[in-house]
Amino acid sequence: MVLTYISDPLDEEHASGHFYHVCRGILQKDEVLPPADGEPIACTGCGVELELEDFKEAHLKGAV
């Protein structure tokens, strides 16, 4: 998987989560925001294109 979703602690008032890119096996520190539908984001390090569907799939697979 090249995208992971990490949820905030549920005890926070506005708990949600954040997406992070896994580039060449290393979890990146900078959060990645979902792109508009039909406008993929390309990683400059590995060249992977992240589409809105990738973000939906990462969110459905569960939070870490």
C-alpha atoms as a PDB file:
ATOM      1  CA  MET A   1       0.000   0.000   0.000  1.00  0.00           C
ATOM      2  CA  VAL A   2       1.307   3.450  -0.835  1.00  0.00           C
ATOM      3  CA  LEU A   3      -1.188   5.355   1.288  1.00  0.00           C
ATOM      4  CA  THR A   4      -2.154   4.959   4.926  1.00  0.00           C
ATOM      5  CA  TYR A   5      -4.836   6.536   7.105  1.00  0.00           C
ATOM      6  CA  ILE A   6      -4.016   7.261  10.739  1.00  0.00           C
ATOM      7  CA  SER A   7      -6.888   8.286  12.987  1.00  0.00           C
ATOM      8  CA  ASP A   8      -6.751  10.819  15.783  1.00  0.00           C
ATOM      9  CA  PRO A   9      -7.372   9.638  19.358  1.00  0.00           C
ATOM     10  CA  LEU A  10     -11.118   9.262  19.864  1.00  0.00           C
ATOM     11  CA  ASP A  11     -11.021  11.291  23.071  1.00  0.00           C
ATOM     12  CA  GLU A  12     -10.458  14.514  21.112  1.00  0.00           C
ATOM     13  CA  GLU A  13     -13.495  16.696  20.475  1.00  0.00           C
ATOM     14  CA  HIS A  14     -13.065  16.700  16.685  1.00  0.00           C
ATOM     15  CA  ALA A  15     -11.443  13.308  16.133  1.00  0.00           C
ATOM     16  CA  SER A  16     -10.829  12.460  12.501  1.00  0.00           C
ATOM     17  CA  GLY A  17      -7.740  11.198  10.720  1.00  0.00           C
ATOM     18  CA  HIS A  18      -4.908  11.968   8.346  1.00  0.00           C
ATOM     19  CA  PHE A  19      -3.501  10.413   5.184  1.00  0.00           C
ATOM     20  CA  TYR A  20       0.208   9.769   4.697  1.00  0.00           C
ATOM     21  CA  HIS A  21       2.102   8.485   1.671  1.00  0.00           C
ATOM     22  CA  VAL A  22       4.435   5.502   1.985  1.00  0.00           C
ATOM     23  CA  CYS A  23       7.236   6.300  -0.456  1.00  0.00           C
ATOM     24  CA  ARG A  24       9.625   3.424  -1.191  1.00  0.00           C
ATOM     25  CA  GLY A  25       8.641   1.720   2.063  1.00  0.00           C
ATOM     26  CA  ILE A  26       9.088   4.814   4.259  1.00  0.00           C
ATOM     27  CA  LEU A  27       6.111   6.564   5.862  1.00  0.00           C
ATOM     28  CA  GLN A  28       6.387  10.252   5.002  1.00  0.00           C
ATOM     29  CA  LYS A  29       5.964  12.829   7.785  1.00  0.00           C
ATOM     30  CA  ASP A  30       3.895  15.280   5.744  1.00  0.00           C
ATOM     31  CA  GLU A  31       0.146  14.757   5.559  1.00  0.00           C
ATOM     32  CA  VAL A  32      -1.331  14.276   2.087  1.00  0.00           C
ATOM     33  CA  LEU A  33      -4.741  15.797   1.372  1.00  0.00           C
ATOM     34  CA  PRO A  34      -7.148  14.001  -0.947  1.00  0.00           C
ATOM     35  CA  PRO A  35      -7.166  15.471  -4.461  1.00  0.00           C
ATOM     36  CA  ALA A  36     -10.205  16.572  -6.416  1.00  0.00           C
ATOM     37  CA  ASP A  37     -11.853  13.761  -8.348  1.00  0.00           C
ATOM     38  CA  GLY A  38     -10.006  13.212 -11.620  1.00  0.00           C
ATOM     39  CA  GLU A  39      -6.896  15.172 -10.565  1.00  0.00           C
ATOM     40  CA  PRO A  40      -4.320  12.694  -9.199  1.00  0.00           C
ATOM     41  CA  ILE A  41      -1.354  13.731  -7.069  1.00  0.00           C
ATOM     42  CA  ALA A  42       2.048  12.448  -8.271  1.00  0.00           C
ATOM     43  CA  CYS A  43       4.846  11.701  -5.801  1.00  0.00           C
ATOM     44  CA  THR A  44       8.107  13.317  -6.872  1.00  0.00           C
ATOM     45  CA  GLY A  45      10.099  10.599  -5.092  1.00  0.00           C
ATOM     46  CA  CYS A  46       8.633   7.387  -6.484  1.00  0.00           C
ATOM     47  CA  GLY A  47       6.340   8.602  -9.253  1.00  0.00           C
ATOM     48  CA  VAL A  48       3.189   6.941  -7.879  1.00  0.00           C
ATOM     49  CA  GLU A  49      -0.035   8.762  -8.703  1.00  0.00           C
ATOM     50  CA  LEU A  50      -2.535   8.953  -5.849  1.00  0.00           C
ATOM     51  CA  GLU A  51      -6.151   9.293  -6.932  1.00  0.00           C
ATOM     52  CA  LEU A  52      -9.269  10.012  -4.892  1.00  0.00           C
ATOM     53  CA  GLU A  53     -10.146   6.286  -5.025  1.00  0.00           C
ATOM     54  CA  ASP A  54      -6.838   5.466  -3.292  1.00  0.00           C
ATOM     55  CA  PHE A  55      -7.800   7.735  -0.393  1.00  0.00           C
ATOM     56  CA  LYS A  56     -11.250   6.155  -0.098  1.00  0.00           C
ATOM     57  CA  GLU A  57      -9.720   2.668  -0.096  1.00  0.00           C
ATOM     58  CA  ALA A  58      -7.130   3.593   2.568  1.00  0.00           C
ATOM     59  CA  HIS A  59      -9.877   5.049   4.746  1.00  0.00           C
ATOM     60  CA  LEU A  60     -12.044   1.931   4.387  1.00  0.00           C
ATOM     61  CA  LYS A  61      -9.171  -0.434   5.213  1.00  0.00           C
ATOM     62  CA  GLY A  62      -9.119   1.064   8.667  1.00  0.00           C
ATOM     63  CA  ALA A  63      -7.164   3.369  10.825  1.00  0.00           C
ATOM     64  CA  VAL A  64      -3.806   2.616  12.353  1.00  0.00           C
END
